[in-house]
Protein backbone atom coordinates (compact mmCIF):
# COMPACT_ATOMS: atom_id res chain seq x y z
CA MET A 1 13.05 -24.16 -10.33
CA THR A 2 9.68 -23.21 -8.93
CA GLU A 3 7.51 -25.32 -6.64
CA LEU A 4 4.38 -26.02 -8.66
CA LYS A 5 1.04 -27.20 -7.28
CA CYS A 6 -1.76 -27.94 -9.72
CA SER A 7 -5.47 -28.51 -9.12
CA ALA A 8 -6.15 -29.45 -12.77
CA THR A 9 -6.59 -33.12 -11.93
CA THR A 10 -8.16 -33.74 -15.34
CA CYS A 11 -4.76 -33.09 -16.95
CA SER A 12 -2.79 -36.15 -18.02
CA ASN A 13 0.34 -34.54 -16.54
CA ASN A 14 -1.16 -34.21 -13.04
CA CYS A 15 -0.04 -36.71 -10.40
CA HIS A 16 -1.37 -36.02 -6.91
CA GLN A 17 -1.56 -32.27 -7.70
CA LEU A 18 2.04 -32.19 -8.91
CA CYS A 19 3.12 -32.01 -12.56
CA VAL A 20 5.03 -34.91 -14.12
CA LEU A 21 6.59 -32.52 -16.64
CA ASN A 22 9.90 -30.95 -15.67
CA ALA A 23 8.86 -27.77 -17.51
CA ILE A 24 5.56 -26.10 -18.43
CA HIS A 25 4.55 -22.84 -20.05
CA VAL A 26 1.98 -20.32 -18.90
CA ASP A 27 0.12 -18.47 -21.65
CA GLY A 28 -1.48 -15.05 -21.40
CA SER A 29 0.79 -12.49 -23.03
CA THR A 30 -1.71 -9.65 -22.47
CA ALA A 31 -3.01 -10.88 -19.10
CA GLU A 32 -3.87 -8.33 -16.44
CA LYS A 33 -5.60 -10.78 -14.07
CA PRO A 34 -5.07 -14.47 -13.21
CA HIS A 35 -8.13 -15.66 -15.15
CA GLU A 36 -6.53 -14.26 -18.32
CA THR A 37 -3.66 -16.77 -18.02
CA CYS A 38 -3.68 -20.52 -18.60
CA CYS A 39 -1.40 -23.52 -18.48
CA GLY A 40 -0.38 -24.01 -22.09
CA SER A 41 0.98 -27.46 -21.20
CA PHE A 42 -2.44 -28.78 -20.13
CA THR A 43 -3.28 -32.06 -21.84
CA PRO A 44 -6.68 -33.61 -21.06
CA LYS A 45 -6.78 -37.18 -19.80
CA VAL A 46 -8.13 -39.73 -22.21
CA ASP A 47 -9.76 -42.70 -20.47
CA SER A 48 -8.74 -45.20 -23.12
CA VAL A 49 -5.06 -44.27 -22.99
CA THR A 50 -2.70 -45.10 -20.17
CA ASN A 51 -0.91 -41.94 -19.16
CA SER A 52 2.00 -40.93 -16.96
CA THR A 53 -0.02 -39.83 -13.92
CA ASN A 54 0.92 -42.98 -12.04
CA ARG A 55 4.59 -42.00 -11.84
CA ILE A 56 5.93 -41.99 -8.31
CA ASP A 57 9.10 -40.01 -9.05
CA VAL A 58 7.23 -36.72 -9.62
CA ARG A 59 8.61 -33.72 -7.72
CA PRO A 60 7.11 -30.31 -6.98
CA GLU A 61 9.93 -28.37 -8.69
CA THR A 62 9.17 -27.35 -12.25
CA ARG A 63 10.64 -24.84 -14.69
CA ILE A 64 7.93 -22.47 -15.84
CA LYS A 65 8.23 -20.52 -19.07
CA CYS A 66 5.96 -17.51 -18.69
CA HIS A 67 4.36 -15.61 -21.55
CA ALA A 68 2.44 -13.30 -19.17
CA ARG A 69 4.74 -10.37 -19.75
CA ASP A 70 3.02 -8.08 -17.23
CA CYS A 71 3.39 -10.48 -14.29
CA VAL A 72 5.77 -9.35 -11.54
CA TYR A 73 7.30 -12.85 -11.49
CA ASN A 74 8.16 -12.86 -15.19
CA LYS A 75 11.93 -12.51 -15.53
CA ASP A 76 13.05 -12.92 -19.15
CA MET A 77 10.04 -15.18 -19.86
CA MET A 78 10.77 -17.47 -16.91
CA CYS A 79 8.76 -17.54 -13.68
CA SER A 80 10.74 -16.33 -10.67
CA ALA A 81 8.09 -17.06 -8.01
CA ASP A 82 9.12 -19.48 -5.28
CA ALA A 83 5.79 -21.28 -5.53
CA VAL A 84 3.08 -21.34 -8.20
CA GLN A 85 -0.52 -22.56 -8.08
CA ILE A 86 -2.14 -23.64 -11.34
CA SER A 87 -5.90 -23.83 -10.87
CA GLY A 88 -8.26 -25.76 -13.07
CA HIS A 89 -10.45 -28.19 -11.19
CA GLY A 90 -12.63 -29.93 -13.79
CA ALA A 91 -10.75 -28.37 -16.72
CA ASP A 92 -11.49 -29.78 -20.18
CA ARG A 93 -8.97 -27.63 -22.04
CA SER A 94 -6.05 -25.31 -21.44
CA GLY A 95 -8.33 -22.25 -21.32
CA ASP A 96 -10.11 -23.71 -18.29
CA THR A 97 -6.91 -23.39 -16.24
CA GLU A 98 -5.15 -20.34 -14.81
CA CYS A 99 -2.00 -19.35 -13.01
CA SER A 100 -3.47 -18.26 -9.68
CA THR A 101 -0.07 -16.86 -8.68
CA PHE A 102 -0.16 -14.24 -11.46
CA LYS A 103 0.28 -10.74 -10.08
CA ALA A 104 0.18 -7.69 -12.36
CA LYS A 105 3.11 -5.25 -12.33
């Protein structure tokens, strides 16, 4: 699994810049640059709903399914990078995030 850090603190899956999900997917099948990718697992926080971001058992390792077919780390639609940074400070939706680790072939 890949070590995942995430700055999308407005995501309900974000807990201290780690993801509470054990797997995410990165969208951007035709991406040529990082800003053309996004975290397809992003779910905005809803103030009126208690979410899982208070979990203390969250770990940095996450499986990442990658749809960015032209990324050097995409190996059979799975991310092979040792570490991945998902950016999205202040994101309101999935499209406001990106895989900053994306590197074109």
